[in-house]
Amino acid sequence: MAVTSSNAPGTERFGHGKVDPYGFERPEEFDFKTYEQFMSTYLSVLARRASRWKASYGEADVKLSKSRKLKRFCRKGVPGDLRPEVWFQVSLASRRVAAEPDRFRTLKNMTTDPAVSETIMLDIHRTFPENVYFSELGDPNSLRKPLQNVLEAVSLSNPHIGYCQGMNFVAGLLLLIVKSEEKAFWLMDTLIQTVLPDYYAPDMIAVQAEQQLLGEIVRWKLPVLHAHLEGLGVQWSLVGMKWFICLFADVMPVETVLRIWDCLFLEGSKILLRVALTLITVNKDRLLQCTNFPQAMDVFRDIVKDPLTLDCHTFIQNIFSVTGSMPRSKIADMRQKCVRKTLKSR
């Protein structure tokens, strides 16, 4: 896992044209001025982080083990060239593949349920249509076929789930970063089975309960705002479903999503709650000014596009400072109550 001098990023890595470094076409209204201001400081942050990763984890044979230092390093950002290997290790996907090294190849040779395959193919055409790497299926450089392979393998590995909408965006972004069908499969499979268990279950109880949990956390942390939104008739199940189901992959700037995932693979689902709570907290005044339900929902739709989310380094710092203490035991207890409430409401 050595860090080479090529990891010190330059402006060419981020590009200033119509397509960003990950292949996403920038919209006509893209704010280049804000982007340039952000990048003028962020490039030095990236170079500094790459240097520190090299000093601490730069040997090719180093193996990562969970520690406070590793958590701190992941929270401050994983160098782009190291992301595939770091995610693979901190998520413990590396242990799973070591135990079953032929699993992906075996699954690729199996026949997928035709109904699942059909649903996957429908969603592949909707996956990152603004990304040049997800162009037409006939393009030899297109990632559509690799994405199909990954999602079908995941469905076979998790027959109780099959396929769930939203998984296409997660797997698609994984492919863009790790550049390997097999690694993308193992990371996706690990997310489903260990990092975010039950998130993609067909009954959607876990992810619906997570929306209720977000509401309860807002009630705890921001009681005045919670009461105001409740008075407007805001239902938490309508607020963050897409945020959670695609792990922010299709709703926030890609560099910010990657920084979120740097933490997610190590720390688990509480990171998603911190991100959602931060978005709500920094937009508290806008939400308090809403006088009806449609206005509130418009704000919730727009806050993921807030200029604050572009500055990924500051935003990730905020998800820990703005949200304050969130004890794991308290969150677990609140989550169980939300699961029971969700089940009872069915």
Protein backbone atom coordinates (compact mmCIF):
# COMPACT_ATOMS: atom_id res chain seq x y z
CA MET A 1 0.00 0.00 0.00
CA ALA A 2 2.84 2.34 -0.76
CA VAL A 3 2.21 6.00 -1.42
CA THR A 4 4.20 7.31 -4.34
CA SER A 5 4.97 10.85 -5.36
CA SER A 6 2.14 10.67 -7.90
CA ASN A 7 -0.28 10.81 -4.98
CA ALA A 8 0.55 14.44 -4.40
CA PRO A 9 -2.35 15.85 -6.43
CA GLY A 10 -2.04 18.66 -8.88
CA THR A 11 -4.70 20.82 -10.46
CA GLU A 12 -4.76 18.56 -13.52
CA ARG A 13 -6.30 15.78 -11.44
CA PHE A 14 -9.38 17.83 -10.72
CA GLY A 15 -9.78 19.47 -14.09
CA HIS A 16 -11.55 22.70 -14.79
CA GLY A 17 -13.41 21.72 -17.96
CA LYS A 18 -16.89 20.42 -18.69
CA VAL A 19 -16.10 16.99 -17.25
CA ASP A 20 -14.72 16.45 -13.75
CA PRO A 21 -11.96 13.91 -12.95
CA TYR A 22 -14.52 11.18 -12.20
CA GLY A 23 -16.23 11.54 -15.56
CA PHE A 24 -19.24 13.60 -14.45
CA GLU A 25 -20.31 16.33 -16.86
CA ARG A 26 -20.65 19.65 -15.11
CA PRO A 27 -23.96 21.47 -15.58
CA GLU A 28 -24.15 24.78 -17.41
CA GLU A 29 -24.75 26.59 -14.10
CA PHE A 30 -21.66 25.04 -12.45
CA ASP A 31 -20.07 27.62 -10.14
CA PHE A 32 -16.44 27.59 -11.29
CA LYS A 33 -15.56 30.60 -9.15
CA THR A 34 -16.55 28.88 -5.90
CA TYR A 35 -14.88 25.69 -7.09
CA GLU A 36 -11.61 27.49 -7.86
CA GLN A 37 -11.64 29.17 -4.44
CA PHE A 38 -12.17 25.83 -2.74
CA MET A 39 -9.51 24.00 -4.78
CA SER A 40 -6.91 26.71 -4.14
CA THR A 41 -6.82 25.60 -0.49
CA TYR A 42 -7.92 21.97 -0.80
CA LEU A 43 -5.01 20.94 -3.02
CA SER A 44 -2.56 21.77 -0.25
CA VAL A 45 -4.71 19.81 2.22
CA LEU A 46 -4.59 16.78 -0.09
CA ALA A 47 -0.83 17.01 -0.51
CA ARG A 48 -0.35 17.26 3.24
CA ARG A 49 -2.66 14.28 3.90
CA ALA A 50 -0.85 12.18 1.28
CA SER A 51 2.47 12.97 2.96
CA ARG A 52 1.15 11.96 6.38
CA TRP A 53 -0.38 8.74 5.08
CA LYS A 54 2.96 7.93 3.46
CA ALA A 55 4.82 8.56 6.72
CA SER A 56 2.44 6.38 8.75
CA TYR A 57 1.21 3.71 6.34
CA GLY A 58 3.58 3.97 3.40
CA GLU A 59 5.19 0.53 3.38
CA ALA A 60 3.87 -1.83 0.71
CA ASP A 61 3.30 -4.67 3.18
CA VAL A 62 1.61 -2.62 5.93
CA LYS A 63 -1.75 -3.92 7.12
CA LEU A 64 -4.27 -1.53 8.59
CA SER A 65 -5.81 -2.26 11.97
CA LYS A 66 -8.56 -0.22 13.61
CA SER A 67 -7.21 2.41 15.97
CA ARG A 68 -7.88 5.97 17.04
CA LYS A 69 -5.10 7.10 14.73
CA LEU A 70 -6.61 5.31 11.73
CA LYS A 71 -10.04 6.78 12.53
CA ARG A 72 -8.47 10.25 12.68
CA PHE A 73 -6.67 9.68 9.39
CA CYS A 74 -9.84 8.46 7.64
CA ARG A 75 -11.82 11.40 8.96
CA LYS A 76 -9.20 13.78 7.53
CA GLY A 77 -9.36 12.05 4.15
CA VAL A 78 -7.82 9.06 2.39
CA PRO A 79 -5.52 9.90 -0.56
CA GLY A 80 -7.28 9.01 -3.83
CA ASP A 81 -4.70 6.45 -4.92
CA LEU A 82 -5.05 4.64 -1.60
CA ARG A 83 -8.83 4.59 -1.38
CA PRO A 84 -9.43 1.18 -2.99
CA GLU A 85 -7.00 -0.58 -0.65
CA VAL A 86 -7.93 1.40 2.46
CA TRP A 87 -11.66 0.82 1.96
CA PHE A 88 -10.96 -2.86 1.31
CA GLN A 89 -9.08 -3.22 4.57
CA VAL A 90 -11.02 -1.02 6.99
CA SER A 91 -14.36 -2.52 5.90
CA LEU A 92 -12.84 -5.99 6.45
CA ALA A 93 -13.78 -6.94 2.87
CA SER A 94 -10.15 -8.09 2.55
CA ARG A 95 -10.74 -10.78 5.19
CA ARG A 96 -13.87 -11.98 3.44
CA VAL A 97 -12.16 -12.32 0.06
CA ALA A 98 -9.22 -14.12 1.70
CA ALA A 99 -11.68 -16.67 3.09
CA GLU A 100 -13.47 -17.13 -0.27
CA PRO A 101 -11.08 -16.02 -3.03
CA ASP A 102 -13.12 -17.57 -5.88
CA ARG A 103 -16.54 -16.35 -4.79
CA PHE A 104 -16.93 -13.52 -7.30
CA ARG A 105 -15.84 -15.66 -10.25
CA THR A 106 -18.24 -18.40 -9.15
CA LEU A 107 -21.14 -15.97 -8.87
CA LYS A 108 -20.35 -14.45 -12.29
CA ASN A 109 -20.79 -17.87 -13.85
CA MET A 110 -24.18 -18.44 -12.24
CA THR A 111 -27.54 -17.54 -13.79
CA THR A 112 -29.32 -14.58 -12.27
CA ASP A 113 -33.06 -14.64 -11.70
CA PRO A 114 -34.55 -13.17 -14.92
CA ALA A 115 -36.84 -10.77 -13.02
CA VAL A 116 -33.89 -9.45 -10.99
CA SER A 117 -31.77 -9.12 -14.14
CA GLU A 118 -34.50 -7.17 -15.88
CA THR A 119 -34.80 -4.72 -12.97
CA ILE A 120 -31.03 -4.29 -12.86
CA MET A 121 -30.86 -3.55 -16.58
CA LEU A 122 -33.59 -0.92 -16.27
CA ASP A 123 -31.64 0.84 -13.53
CA ILE A 124 -28.28 0.58 -15.32
CA HIS A 125 -29.65 2.87 -18.02
CA ARG A 126 -30.54 5.38 -15.28
CA THR A 127 -27.17 5.19 -13.51
CA PHE A 128 -25.16 8.41 -13.71
CA PRO A 129 -26.41 9.38 -17.20
CA GLU A 130 -24.27 12.52 -16.89
CA ASN A 131 -21.09 10.44 -16.49
CA VAL A 132 -19.00 9.74 -19.59
CA TYR A 133 -17.93 6.33 -18.25
CA PHE A 134 -21.52 5.11 -18.14
CA SER A 135 -22.18 5.74 -21.81
CA GLU A 136 -23.95 3.35 -24.15
CA LEU A 137 -23.57 -0.38 -23.49
CA GLY A 138 -21.87 -0.92 -26.86
CA ASP A 139 -18.98 1.39 -25.97
CA PRO A 140 -15.99 -0.84 -25.09
CA ASN A 141 -14.97 1.61 -22.36
CA SER A 142 -18.45 1.79 -20.84
CA LEU A 143 -18.89 0.67 -17.24
CA ARG A 144 -22.44 -0.50 -17.85
CA LYS A 145 -21.49 -4.16 -18.36
CA PRO A 146 -19.15 -4.23 -15.32
CA LEU A 147 -21.95 -2.61 -13.30
CA GLN A 148 -24.36 -5.30 -14.47
CA ASN A 149 -21.84 -8.00 -13.48
CA VAL A 150 -21.37 -6.50 -10.01
CA LEU A 151 -25.09 -6.05 -9.30
CA GLU A 152 -25.99 -9.52 -10.54
CA ALA A 153 -23.24 -11.07 -8.41
CA VAL A 154 -24.47 -9.09 -5.40
CA SER A 155 -28.03 -10.31 -6.02
CA LEU A 156 -26.84 -13.93 -6.11
CA SER A 157 -24.76 -13.42 -2.97
CA ASN A 158 -27.80 -11.98 -1.20
CA PRO A 159 -30.81 -13.95 -2.48
CA HIS A 160 -33.00 -12.64 0.34
CA ILE A 161 -32.54 -9.17 -1.16
CA GLY A 162 -31.93 -9.72 -4.85
CA TYR A 163 -31.73 -6.13 -6.01
CA CYS A 164 -32.91 -2.85 -4.51
CA GLN A 165 -33.09 0.52 -6.24
CA GLY A 166 -30.25 2.75 -5.12
CA MET A 167 -27.69 -0.05 -5.15
CA ASN A 168 -26.83 0.88 -8.74
CA PHE A 169 -25.49 4.30 -7.70
CA VAL A 170 -23.40 2.84 -4.87
CA ALA A 171 -21.92 0.10 -7.06
CA GLY A 172 -21.42 2.54 -9.93
CA LEU A 173 -19.38 4.94 -7.82
CA LEU A 174 -17.40 2.05 -6.36
CA LEU A 175 -16.48 0.98 -9.91
CA LEU A 176 -15.33 4.51 -10.74
CA ILE A 177 -13.03 4.53 -7.71
CA VAL A 178 -11.70 0.98 -7.34
CA LYS A 179 -11.63 0.24 -11.10
CA SER A 180 -12.22 -3.47 -10.53
CA GLU A 181 -15.41 -5.50 -10.82
CA GLU A 182 -14.22 -7.92 -8.17
CA LYS A 183 -13.26 -5.27 -5.62
CA ALA A 184 -16.47 -3.34 -6.29
CA PHE A 185 -18.45 -6.54 -5.70
CA TRP A 186 -16.69 -7.30 -2.41
CA LEU A 187 -17.11 -3.75 -1.10
CA MET A 188 -20.78 -3.69 -2.10
CA ASP A 189 -21.38 -7.13 -0.61
CA THR A 190 -19.63 -6.08 2.61
CA LEU A 191 -21.73 -2.92 2.85
CA ILE A 192 -24.88 -5.02 2.56
CA GLN A 193 -23.86 -7.82 4.90
CA THR A 194 -21.82 -6.14 7.63
CA VAL A 195 -21.50 -2.35 7.39
CA LEU A 196 -25.20 -1.61 6.74
CA PRO A 197 -27.06 -4.84 7.53
CA ASP A 198 -30.73 -4.93 6.42
CA TYR A 199 -30.51 -1.52 4.68
CA TYR A 200 -31.47 -3.07 1.36
CA ALA A 201 -33.92 -5.70 2.61
CA PRO A 202 -37.09 -5.92 0.46
CA ASP A 203 -39.33 -4.86 3.36
CA MET A 204 -37.19 -1.69 3.75
CA ILE A 205 -37.91 -1.73 7.48
CA ALA A 206 -34.32 -0.94 8.47
CA VAL A 207 -33.89 2.03 6.16
CA GLN A 208 -37.37 3.37 7.01
CA ALA A 209 -36.53 3.04 10.69
CA GLU A 210 -33.33 4.98 10.00
CA GLN A 211 -35.42 7.88 8.70
CA GLN A 212 -37.47 7.79 11.89
CA LEU A 213 -34.21 7.66 13.86
CA LEU A 214 -33.03 10.80 12.08
CA GLY A 215 -36.24 12.49 13.18
CA GLU A 216 -35.70 11.39 16.78
CA ILE A 217 -32.13 12.69 16.70
CA VAL A 218 -33.41 16.06 15.43
CA ARG A 219 -35.97 16.02 18.28
CA TRP A 220 -33.06 15.40 20.71
CA LYS A 221 -30.56 17.85 19.23
CA LEU A 222 -32.86 20.51 17.71
CA PRO A 223 -36.16 20.37 19.61
CA VAL A 224 -37.47 23.75 18.39
CA LEU A 225 -36.85 22.83 14.75
CA HIS A 226 -38.39 19.37 15.25
CA ALA A 227 -41.56 20.89 16.71
CA HIS A 228 -41.75 23.40 13.83
CA LEU A 229 -41.38 20.71 11.15
CA GLU A 230 -43.89 18.48 12.91
CA GLY A 231 -46.33 21.39 12.88
CA LEU A 232 -45.86 21.66 9.11
CA GLY A 233 -46.67 17.97 8.71
CA VAL A 234 -43.17 16.91 7.65
CA GLN A 235 -42.79 13.11 7.67
CA TRP A 236 -39.23 11.95 8.20
CA SER A 237 -39.77 9.01 5.84
CA LEU A 238 -39.99 11.60 3.04
CA VAL A 239 -36.88 13.55 4.03
CA GLY A 240 -33.82 11.39 3.62
CA MET A 241 -34.77 8.12 1.93
CA LYS A 242 -32.69 8.82 -1.17
CA TRP A 243 -29.82 10.19 0.95
CA PHE A 244 -29.57 6.94 2.86
CA ILE A 245 -30.42 4.37 0.19
CA CYS A 246 -27.70 5.62 -2.19
CA LEU A 247 -25.35 6.67 0.62
CA PHE A 248 -25.46 10.24 -0.77
CA ALA A 249 -23.86 9.04 -4.03
CA ASP A 250 -26.40 10.58 -6.37
CA VAL A 251 -27.23 13.72 -4.40
CA MET A 252 -24.00 15.37 -3.21
CA PRO A 253 -20.72 16.46 -4.85
CA VAL A 254 -18.67 13.35 -5.59
CA GLU A 255 -15.55 14.46 -3.68
CA THR A 256 -17.71 15.00 -0.60
CA VAL A 257 -19.34 11.59 -1.01
CA LEU A 258 -15.91 9.95 -1.15
CA ARG A 259 -14.88 11.69 2.06
CA ILE A 260 -18.11 10.44 3.67
CA TRP A 261 -17.32 6.90 2.53
CA ASP A 262 -13.77 7.17 3.90
CA CYS A 263 -15.46 7.30 7.32
CA LEU A 264 -18.43 5.04 6.53
CA PHE A 265 -16.34 1.97 5.67
CA LEU A 266 -14.56 2.24 9.02
CA GLU A 267 -17.23 3.60 11.36
CA GLY A 268 -20.53 2.36 9.97
CA SER A 269 -24.02 3.80 9.61
CA LYS A 270 -23.72 6.50 12.29
CA ILE A 271 -21.69 8.51 9.74
CA LEU A 272 -24.78 8.75 7.50
CA LEU A 273 -26.80 10.08 10.44
CA ARG A 274 -24.11 12.66 11.20
CA VAL A 275 -24.13 13.83 7.57
CA ALA A 276 -27.91 14.14 7.50
CA LEU A 277 -28.01 15.94 10.87
CA THR A 278 -25.30 18.36 9.71
CA LEU A 279 -27.24 19.22 6.55
CA ILE A 280 -30.30 19.93 8.67
CA THR A 281 -28.42 21.84 11.38
CA VAL A 282 -26.57 24.23 9.07
CA ASN A 283 -29.86 24.92 7.26
CA LYS A 284 -31.90 25.25 10.48
CA ASP A 285 -32.78 28.91 9.90
CA ARG A 286 -34.02 28.23 6.36
CA LEU A 287 -36.22 25.43 7.65
CA LEU A 288 -37.57 27.54 10.51
CA GLN A 289 -38.60 30.20 7.99
CA CYS A 290 -40.79 27.71 6.11
CA THR A 291 -44.50 28.30 6.60
CA ASN A 292 -45.89 25.20 4.89
CA PHE A 293 -45.06 21.60 3.98
CA PRO A 294 -44.08 22.19 0.31
CA GLN A 295 -41.61 24.91 1.30
CA ALA A 296 -39.96 22.61 3.84
CA MET A 297 -39.65 19.79 1.33
CA ASP A 298 -38.10 22.17 -1.21
CA VAL A 299 -35.44 23.10 1.36
CA PHE A 300 -34.74 19.44 2.14
CA ARG A 301 -34.37 18.78 -1.59
CA ASP A 302 -31.95 21.67 -2.05
CA ILE A 303 -29.73 21.43 1.03
CA VAL A 304 -27.62 18.63 -0.45
CA LYS A 305 -26.68 21.12 -3.19
CA ASP A 306 -25.78 23.88 -0.74
CA PRO A 307 -22.38 25.49 -1.57
CA LEU A 308 -21.24 24.31 1.87
CA THR A 309 -21.28 20.72 0.62
CA LEU A 310 -18.73 21.52 -2.11
CA ASP A 311 -16.04 22.27 0.48
CA CYS A 312 -15.72 18.60 1.41
CA HIS A 313 -12.91 19.10 3.91
CA THR A 314 -14.82 21.65 6.00
CA PHE A 315 -18.05 19.72 5.60
CA ILE A 316 -16.53 16.51 6.98
CA GLN A 317 -15.05 18.45 9.91
CA ASN A 318 -18.55 19.80 10.54
CA ILE A 319 -20.22 16.39 10.68
CA PHE A 320 -18.27 15.74 13.88
CA SER A 321 -18.21 19.25 15.38
CA VAL A 322 -21.71 20.48 14.51
CA THR A 323 -23.52 17.30 15.57
CA GLY A 324 -21.75 16.93 18.92
CA SER A 325 -21.66 13.74 20.96
CA MET A 326 -23.70 10.81 19.63
CA PRO A 327 -22.97 7.86 21.96
CA ARG A 328 -23.16 4.55 20.14
CA SER A 329 -25.23 2.94 22.91
CA LYS A 330 -27.80 5.76 22.87
CA ILE A 331 -28.11 5.62 19.08
CA ALA A 332 -28.50 1.82 19.20
CA ASP A 333 -31.28 2.11 21.78
CA MET A 334 -33.06 4.82 19.78
CA ARG A 335 -32.72 2.73 16.61
CA GLN A 336 -34.35 -0.32 18.21
CA LYS A 337 -37.30 1.81 19.32
CA CYS A 338 -37.64 3.17 15.78
CA VAL A 339 -37.55 -0.34 14.31
CA ARG A 340 -40.32 -1.45 16.68
CA LYS A 341 -42.37 1.64 15.81
CA THR A 342 -41.89 1.01 12.09
CA LEU A 343 -42.96 -2.63 12.44
CA LYS A 344 -46.00 -1.64 14.49
CA SER A 345 -47.13 0.90 11.89
CA ARG A 346 -47.29 -1.76 9.16
